[in-house]
Amino acid sequence: MIGWMEAAGETHTQATTTLTVGVTERAAEKAIQLAAREGHEQAFLRLRVLAGGCSGFSYKLSFESCTAPDDHIFRAHGLAVLIDPRSLPIVAGSTIEFIDAMLGGGFKVNNPQAVHECACGESFAI
């Protein structure tokens, strides 16, 4: 996957062969569509890890209108993904994808560090 990362306030346009967090093309397309539907001119998708859930941690995805000074920004397929410094080590190496399914569909974070996910798919342990 080709992409680039920037820290808020600093831009690094050097191409890399891997991103710390990846996004599939389908997930980026869907996030951009949903952001536009919600009135966001630019698609900033925030991925945050929260303590809680039946397995210890849970993911929270939301749209933001701007970045925070300490955000790490990952860009792929026209989508900017914002990750705070506390969440980044937990999601490093993950890929955000979108699954079209009647049951269990939607955005999914495939995290290679997760050693256990709850049956509902809403929380995980590392």
N, C-alpha and C. Protein backbone atom coordinates (compact mmCIF):
# COMPACT_ATOMS: atom_id res chain seq x y z
N MET A 1 0.85 -1.16 0.00
CA MET A 1 0.00 0.00 0.00
C MET A 1 0.90 1.23 0.00
N ILE A 2 0.65 2.15 -0.90
CA ILE A 2 1.42 3.38 -0.96
C ILE A 2 0.61 4.46 -0.28
N GLY A 3 1.26 5.26 0.52
CA GLY A 3 0.57 6.32 1.21
C GLY A 3 1.57 7.19 1.93
N TRP A 4 1.07 8.08 2.74
CA TRP A 4 1.96 8.91 3.53
C TRP A 4 1.30 9.32 4.81
N MET A 5 2.16 9.68 5.76
CA MET A 5 1.69 10.06 7.08
C MET A 5 2.17 11.46 7.39
N GLU A 6 1.42 12.16 8.16
CA GLU A 6 1.85 13.47 8.63
C GLU A 6 1.43 13.63 10.08
N ALA A 7 2.21 14.35 10.83
CA ALA A 7 1.78 14.77 12.16
C ALA A 7 1.15 16.13 11.97
N ALA A 8 0.12 16.43 12.72
CA ALA A 8 -0.57 17.71 12.56
C ALA A 8 0.45 18.83 12.64
N GLY A 9 0.42 19.72 11.68
CA GLY A 9 1.35 20.83 11.65
C GLY A 9 2.60 20.53 10.85
N GLU A 10 2.91 19.27 10.59
CA GLU A 10 4.07 18.88 9.81
C GLU A 10 3.61 17.98 8.70
N THR A 11 4.14 18.19 7.50
CA THR A 11 3.76 17.35 6.38
C THR A 11 4.97 16.60 5.87
N HIS A 12 4.83 15.31 5.73
CA HIS A 12 5.87 14.46 5.17
C HIS A 12 5.28 13.81 3.94
N THR A 13 5.76 14.19 2.78
CA THR A 13 5.18 13.67 1.55
C THR A 13 6.00 12.52 0.98
N GLN A 14 6.92 12.01 1.74
CA GLN A 14 7.72 10.89 1.27
C GLN A 14 6.85 9.64 1.21
N ALA A 15 6.87 8.95 0.07
CA ALA A 15 6.09 7.73 -0.08
C ALA A 15 6.71 6.63 0.76
N THR A 16 5.87 5.80 1.32
CA THR A 16 6.34 4.67 2.10
C THR A 16 5.70 3.41 1.56
N THR A 17 6.26 2.27 1.88
CA THR A 17 5.68 1.03 1.39
C THR A 17 4.66 0.48 2.36
N THR A 18 4.67 0.93 3.60
CA THR A 18 3.66 0.50 4.56
C THR A 18 3.18 1.70 5.35
N LEU A 19 1.96 1.62 5.74
CA LEU A 19 1.38 2.63 6.62
C LEU A 19 1.22 1.99 7.98
N THR A 20 1.32 2.78 9.02
CA THR A 20 1.08 2.23 10.35
C THR A 20 -0.35 1.77 10.48
N VAL A 21 -1.27 2.50 9.86
CA VAL A 21 -2.68 2.10 9.81
C VAL A 21 -3.12 2.19 8.35
N GLY A 22 -3.70 1.11 7.84
CA GLY A 22 -4.15 1.08 6.46
C GLY A 22 -5.65 1.20 6.36
N VAL A 23 -6.11 1.54 5.17
CA VAL A 23 -7.53 1.66 4.87
C VAL A 23 -7.76 1.02 3.52
N THR A 24 -8.74 0.13 3.43
CA THR A 24 -9.06 -0.45 2.14
C THR A 24 -9.75 0.61 1.28
N GLU A 25 -9.70 0.40 -0.01
CA GLU A 25 -10.33 1.35 -0.92
C GLU A 25 -11.84 1.44 -0.67
N ARG A 26 -12.49 0.31 -0.42
CA ARG A 26 -13.93 0.29 -0.15
C ARG A 26 -14.26 1.06 1.13
N ALA A 27 -13.46 0.89 2.17
CA ALA A 27 -13.70 1.61 3.43
C ALA A 27 -13.53 3.11 3.23
N ALA A 28 -12.52 3.51 2.48
CA ALA A 28 -12.30 4.94 2.22
C ALA A 28 -13.47 5.52 1.45
N GLU A 29 -13.92 4.82 0.41
CA GLU A 29 -15.05 5.30 -0.39
C GLU A 29 -16.29 5.47 0.49
N LYS A 30 -16.58 4.47 1.30
CA LYS A 30 -17.77 4.52 2.15
C LYS A 30 -17.67 5.64 3.19
N ALA A 31 -16.49 5.81 3.80
CA ALA A 31 -16.32 6.87 4.80
C ALA A 31 -16.48 8.24 4.16
N ILE A 32 -15.94 8.43 2.96
CA ILE A 32 -16.08 9.71 2.27
C ILE A 32 -17.54 9.98 1.95
N GLN A 33 -18.28 8.95 1.50
CA GLN A 33 -19.71 9.11 1.22
C GLN A 33 -20.49 9.49 2.48
N LEU A 34 -20.22 8.78 3.57
CA LEU A 34 -20.94 9.07 4.82
C LEU A 34 -20.60 10.45 5.37
N ALA A 35 -19.33 10.85 5.27
CA ALA A 35 -18.93 12.17 5.74
C ALA A 35 -19.65 13.26 4.95
N ALA A 36 -19.75 13.09 3.63
CA ALA A 36 -20.45 14.06 2.80
C ALA A 36 -21.93 14.11 3.16
N ARG A 37 -22.52 12.96 3.40
CA ARG A 37 -23.93 12.90 3.78
C ARG A 37 -24.18 13.63 5.10
N GLU A 38 -23.19 13.58 6.02
CA GLU A 38 -23.32 14.26 7.31
C GLU A 38 -22.90 15.73 7.25
N GLY A 39 -22.52 16.21 6.07
CA GLY A 39 -22.20 17.62 5.90
C GLY A 39 -20.75 17.99 6.11
N HIS A 40 -19.85 17.02 6.17
CA HIS A 40 -18.43 17.31 6.33
C HIS A 40 -17.82 17.55 4.96
N GLU A 41 -17.21 18.72 4.77
CA GLU A 41 -16.61 19.04 3.48
C GLU A 41 -15.39 18.18 3.21
N GLN A 42 -14.59 17.94 4.23
CA GLN A 42 -13.40 17.11 4.10
C GLN A 42 -13.57 15.91 5.02
N ALA A 43 -13.20 14.74 4.54
CA ALA A 43 -13.39 13.52 5.31
C ALA A 43 -12.21 13.29 6.25
N PHE A 44 -12.40 13.60 7.54
CA PHE A 44 -11.45 13.24 8.59
C PHE A 44 -12.12 12.16 9.42
N LEU A 45 -11.64 10.95 9.33
CA LEU A 45 -12.19 9.85 10.11
C LEU A 45 -11.28 9.62 11.30
N ARG A 46 -11.81 9.77 12.50
CA ARG A 46 -11.01 9.54 13.70
C ARG A 46 -11.20 8.10 14.17
N LEU A 47 -10.07 7.43 14.41
CA LEU A 47 -10.05 6.10 15.01
C LEU A 47 -9.47 6.26 16.40
N ARG A 48 -10.26 5.90 17.39
CA ARG A 48 -9.84 6.04 18.78
C ARG A 48 -10.07 4.71 19.49
N VAL A 49 -9.19 4.39 20.42
CA VAL A 49 -9.34 3.20 21.25
C VAL A 49 -9.78 3.66 22.63
N LEU A 50 -10.86 3.06 23.12
CA LEU A 50 -11.40 3.39 24.44
C LEU A 50 -11.27 2.18 25.36
N ALA A 51 -11.02 2.43 26.62
CA ALA A 51 -11.02 1.35 27.60
C ALA A 51 -12.47 0.96 27.86
N GLY A 52 -12.71 -0.35 27.92
CA GLY A 52 -14.07 -0.81 28.19
C GLY A 52 -14.48 -1.91 27.24
N GLY A 53 -15.71 -2.29 27.34
CA GLY A 53 -16.20 -3.41 26.55
C GLY A 53 -15.91 -4.70 27.29
N CYS A 54 -16.46 -5.77 26.81
CA CYS A 54 -16.32 -7.04 27.53
C CYS A 54 -14.92 -7.64 27.41
N SER A 55 -14.09 -7.15 26.47
CA SER A 55 -12.75 -7.70 26.31
C SER A 55 -11.64 -6.75 26.72
N GLY A 56 -11.97 -5.53 27.13
CA GLY A 56 -10.95 -4.61 27.62
C GLY A 56 -10.84 -3.31 26.86
N PHE A 57 -10.91 -3.36 25.52
CA PHE A 57 -10.82 -2.17 24.69
C PHE A 57 -11.93 -2.20 23.65
N SER A 58 -12.28 -1.01 23.15
CA SER A 58 -13.21 -0.94 22.03
C SER A 58 -12.75 0.19 21.10
N TYR A 59 -13.15 0.08 19.84
CA TYR A 59 -12.83 1.10 18.85
C TYR A 59 -13.97 2.09 18.77
N LYS A 60 -13.62 3.34 18.53
CA LYS A 60 -14.63 4.36 18.26
C LYS A 60 -14.23 5.07 16.97
N LEU A 61 -15.12 5.05 15.99
CA LEU A 61 -14.92 5.76 14.74
C LEU A 61 -15.89 6.94 14.71
N SER A 62 -15.38 8.10 14.33
CA SER A 62 -16.23 9.29 14.22
C SER A 62 -15.63 10.23 13.19
N PHE A 63 -16.45 11.15 12.70
CA PHE A 63 -15.96 12.16 11.77
C PHE A 63 -15.60 13.42 12.54
N GLU A 64 -14.53 14.05 12.13
CA GLU A 64 -14.06 15.29 12.75
C GLU A 64 -13.98 16.37 11.68
N SER A 65 -14.14 17.61 12.10
CA SER A 65 -14.02 18.72 11.16
C SER A 65 -12.61 19.31 11.12
N CYS A 66 -11.79 18.98 12.13
CA CYS A 66 -10.41 19.48 12.13
C CYS A 66 -9.53 18.50 12.91
N THR A 67 -8.23 18.72 12.84
CA THR A 67 -7.28 17.86 13.52
C THR A 67 -6.87 18.48 14.85
N ALA A 68 -6.38 17.64 15.74
CA ALA A 68 -5.79 18.10 17.01
C ALA A 68 -4.28 18.24 16.80
N PRO A 69 -3.62 19.08 17.57
CA PRO A 69 -2.19 19.31 17.36
C PRO A 69 -1.32 18.05 17.44
N ASP A 70 -1.72 17.06 18.23
CA ASP A 70 -0.89 15.87 18.39
C ASP A 70 -1.37 14.67 17.58
N ASP A 71 -2.35 14.87 16.70
CA ASP A 71 -2.86 13.78 15.87
C ASP A 71 -1.81 13.25 14.91
N HIS A 72 -1.87 11.97 14.67
CA HIS A 72 -1.15 11.34 13.58
C HIS A 72 -2.18 11.17 12.47
N ILE A 73 -1.81 11.54 11.26
CA ILE A 73 -2.75 11.52 10.14
C ILE A 73 -2.24 10.55 9.09
N PHE A 74 -3.08 9.60 8.75
CA PHE A 74 -2.76 8.62 7.72
C PHE A 74 -3.71 8.83 6.56
N ARG A 75 -3.17 8.90 5.36
CA ARG A 75 -3.99 9.16 4.17
C ARG A 75 -3.92 7.98 3.23
N ALA A 76 -5.09 7.58 2.74
CA ALA A 76 -5.18 6.50 1.76
C ALA A 76 -6.48 6.65 0.99
N HIS A 77 -6.41 6.56 -0.32
CA HIS A 77 -7.59 6.58 -1.19
C HIS A 77 -8.46 7.82 -0.97
N GLY A 78 -7.83 8.96 -0.68
CA GLY A 78 -8.58 10.20 -0.50
C GLY A 78 -9.15 10.42 0.88
N LEU A 79 -8.90 9.50 1.80
CA LEU A 79 -9.42 9.61 3.17
C LEU A 79 -8.28 9.90 4.13
N ALA A 80 -8.50 10.82 5.06
CA ALA A 80 -7.55 11.10 6.12
C ALA A 80 -8.06 10.46 7.41
N VAL A 81 -7.23 9.62 8.02
CA VAL A 81 -7.57 8.96 9.28
C VAL A 81 -6.75 9.61 10.39
N LEU A 82 -7.44 10.09 11.42
CA LEU A 82 -6.80 10.74 12.56
C LEU A 82 -6.70 9.76 13.72
N ILE A 83 -5.51 9.70 14.32
CA ILE A 83 -5.32 8.82 15.47
C ILE A 83 -4.53 9.58 16.53
N ASP A 84 -5.04 9.57 17.75
CA ASP A 84 -4.37 10.26 18.84
C ASP A 84 -3.16 9.43 19.30
N PRO A 85 -2.19 10.06 19.96
CA PRO A 85 -0.97 9.36 20.36
C PRO A 85 -1.19 8.18 21.31
N ARG A 86 -2.23 8.21 22.13
CA ARG A 86 -2.48 7.11 23.07
C ARG A 86 -3.05 5.89 22.35
N SER A 87 -3.82 6.11 21.29
CA SER A 87 -4.42 5.00 20.56
C SER A 87 -3.46 4.38 19.54
N LEU A 88 -2.52 5.18 19.04
CA LEU A 88 -1.66 4.71 17.95
C LEU A 88 -0.92 3.41 18.24
N PRO A 89 -0.27 3.25 19.41
CA PRO A 89 0.44 1.98 19.64
C PRO A 89 -0.49 0.76 19.66
N ILE A 90 -1.73 0.96 20.03
CA ILE A 90 -2.69 -0.14 20.13
C ILE A 90 -3.20 -0.56 18.75
N VAL A 91 -3.29 0.39 17.82
CA VAL A 91 -3.82 0.08 16.48
C VAL A 91 -2.74 -0.04 15.42
N ALA A 92 -1.47 0.09 15.80
CA ALA A 92 -0.38 0.00 14.83
C ALA A 92 -0.47 -1.31 14.06
N GLY A 93 -0.38 -1.22 12.75
CA GLY A 93 -0.45 -2.39 11.88
C GLY A 93 -1.85 -2.79 11.48
N SER A 94 -2.86 -2.06 11.95
CA SER A 94 -4.26 -2.38 11.66
C SER A 94 -4.67 -1.90 10.28
N THR A 95 -5.77 -2.47 9.80
CA THR A 95 -6.40 -2.04 8.56
C THR A 95 -7.88 -1.81 8.82
N ILE A 96 -8.39 -0.68 8.36
CA ILE A 96 -9.82 -0.39 8.46
C ILE A 96 -10.45 -0.86 7.16
N GLU A 97 -11.48 -1.68 7.27
CA GLU A 97 -12.18 -2.14 6.08
C GLU A 97 -13.67 -1.95 6.26
N PHE A 98 -14.40 -2.05 5.15
CA PHE A 98 -15.85 -1.96 5.20
C PHE A 98 -16.42 -3.24 4.63
N ILE A 99 -17.36 -3.85 5.38
CA ILE A 99 -17.96 -5.11 4.96
C ILE A 99 -19.43 -4.86 4.65
N ASP A 100 -19.83 -5.20 3.41
CA ASP A 100 -21.23 -5.10 3.00
C ASP A 100 -21.93 -6.38 3.40
N ALA A 101 -22.70 -6.34 4.46
CA ALA A 101 -23.44 -7.51 4.92
C ALA A 101 -24.65 -7.03 5.70
N MET A 102 -25.73 -7.79 5.62
CA MET A 102 -26.94 -7.43 6.36
C MET A 102 -26.71 -7.53 7.86
N LEU A 103 -26.05 -8.59 8.29
CA LEU A 103 -25.72 -8.78 9.71
C LEU A 103 -24.21 -8.71 9.87
N GLY A 104 -23.75 -7.90 10.79
CA GLY A 104 -22.33 -7.81 11.06
C GLY A 104 -21.56 -6.97 10.06
N GLY A 105 -22.25 -6.25 9.20
CA GLY A 105 -21.59 -5.41 8.22
C GLY A 105 -21.20 -4.06 8.82
N GLY A 106 -20.47 -3.29 8.05
CA GLY A 106 -20.04 -1.98 8.48
C GLY A 106 -18.53 -1.89 8.54
N PHE A 107 -18.02 -0.90 9.23
CA PHE A 107 -16.58 -0.72 9.36
C PHE A 107 -16.02 -1.72 10.36
N LYS A 108 -14.86 -2.27 10.02
CA LYS A 108 -14.19 -3.22 10.90
C LYS A 108 -12.72 -2.87 10.94
N VAL A 109 -12.14 -2.93 12.12
CA VAL A 109 -10.71 -2.72 12.29
C VAL A 109 -10.07 -4.08 12.46
N ASN A 110 -9.24 -4.45 11.51
CA ASN A 110 -8.48 -5.70 11.60
C ASN A 110 -7.15 -5.37 12.26
N ASN A 111 -7.03 -5.75 13.52
CA ASN A 111 -5.87 -5.41 14.32
C ASN A 111 -5.05 -6.68 14.59
N PRO A 112 -3.83 -6.76 14.02
CA PRO A 112 -3.02 -7.96 14.24
C PRO A 112 -2.55 -8.12 15.69
N GLN A 113 -2.65 -7.07 16.49
CA GLN A 113 -2.25 -7.14 17.89
C GLN A 113 -3.35 -7.71 18.79
N ALA A 114 -4.59 -7.75 18.28
CA ALA A 114 -5.71 -8.24 19.08
C ALA A 114 -5.58 -9.75 19.25
N VAL A 115 -5.53 -10.19 20.50
CA VAL A 115 -5.43 -11.63 20.78
C VAL A 115 -6.79 -12.24 21.05
N HIS A 116 -7.77 -11.38 21.30
CA HIS A 116 -9.12 -11.87 21.57
C HIS A 116 -10.11 -10.79 21.18
N GLU A 117 -11.20 -11.17 20.50
CA GLU A 117 -12.31 -10.28 20.23
C GLU A 117 -13.54 -10.89 20.80
N CYS A 118 -14.43 -10.06 21.34
CA CYS A 118 -15.66 -10.59 21.90
C CYS A 118 -16.55 -11.08 20.76
N ALA A 119 -17.54 -11.88 21.10
CA ALA A 119 -18.42 -12.47 20.10
C ALA A 119 -19.18 -11.41 19.31
N CYS A 120 -19.50 -10.30 19.93
CA CYS A 120 -20.25 -9.25 19.23
C CYS A 120 -19.37 -8.44 18.29
N GLY A 121 -18.04 -8.58 18.43
CA GLY A 121 -17.12 -7.86 17.56
C GLY A 121 -16.90 -6.41 17.94
N GLU A 122 -17.42 -6.00 19.10
CA GLU A 122 -17.32 -4.60 19.50
C GLU A 122 -16.12 -4.31 20.40
N SER A 123 -15.52 -5.33 20.99
CA SER A 123 -14.37 -5.06 21.85
C SER A 123 -13.29 -6.11 21.63
N PHE A 124 -12.09 -5.80 22.14
CA PHE A 124 -10.95 -6.68 21.89
C PHE A 124 -9.96 -6.57 23.05
N ALA A 125 -9.02 -7.50 23.08
CA ALA A 125 -7.93 -7.50 24.06
C ALA A 125 -6.62 -7.63 23.32
N ILE A 126 -5.57 -7.03 23.89
CA ILE A 126 -4.24 -7.17 23.30
C ILE A 126 -3.29 -7.79 24.31
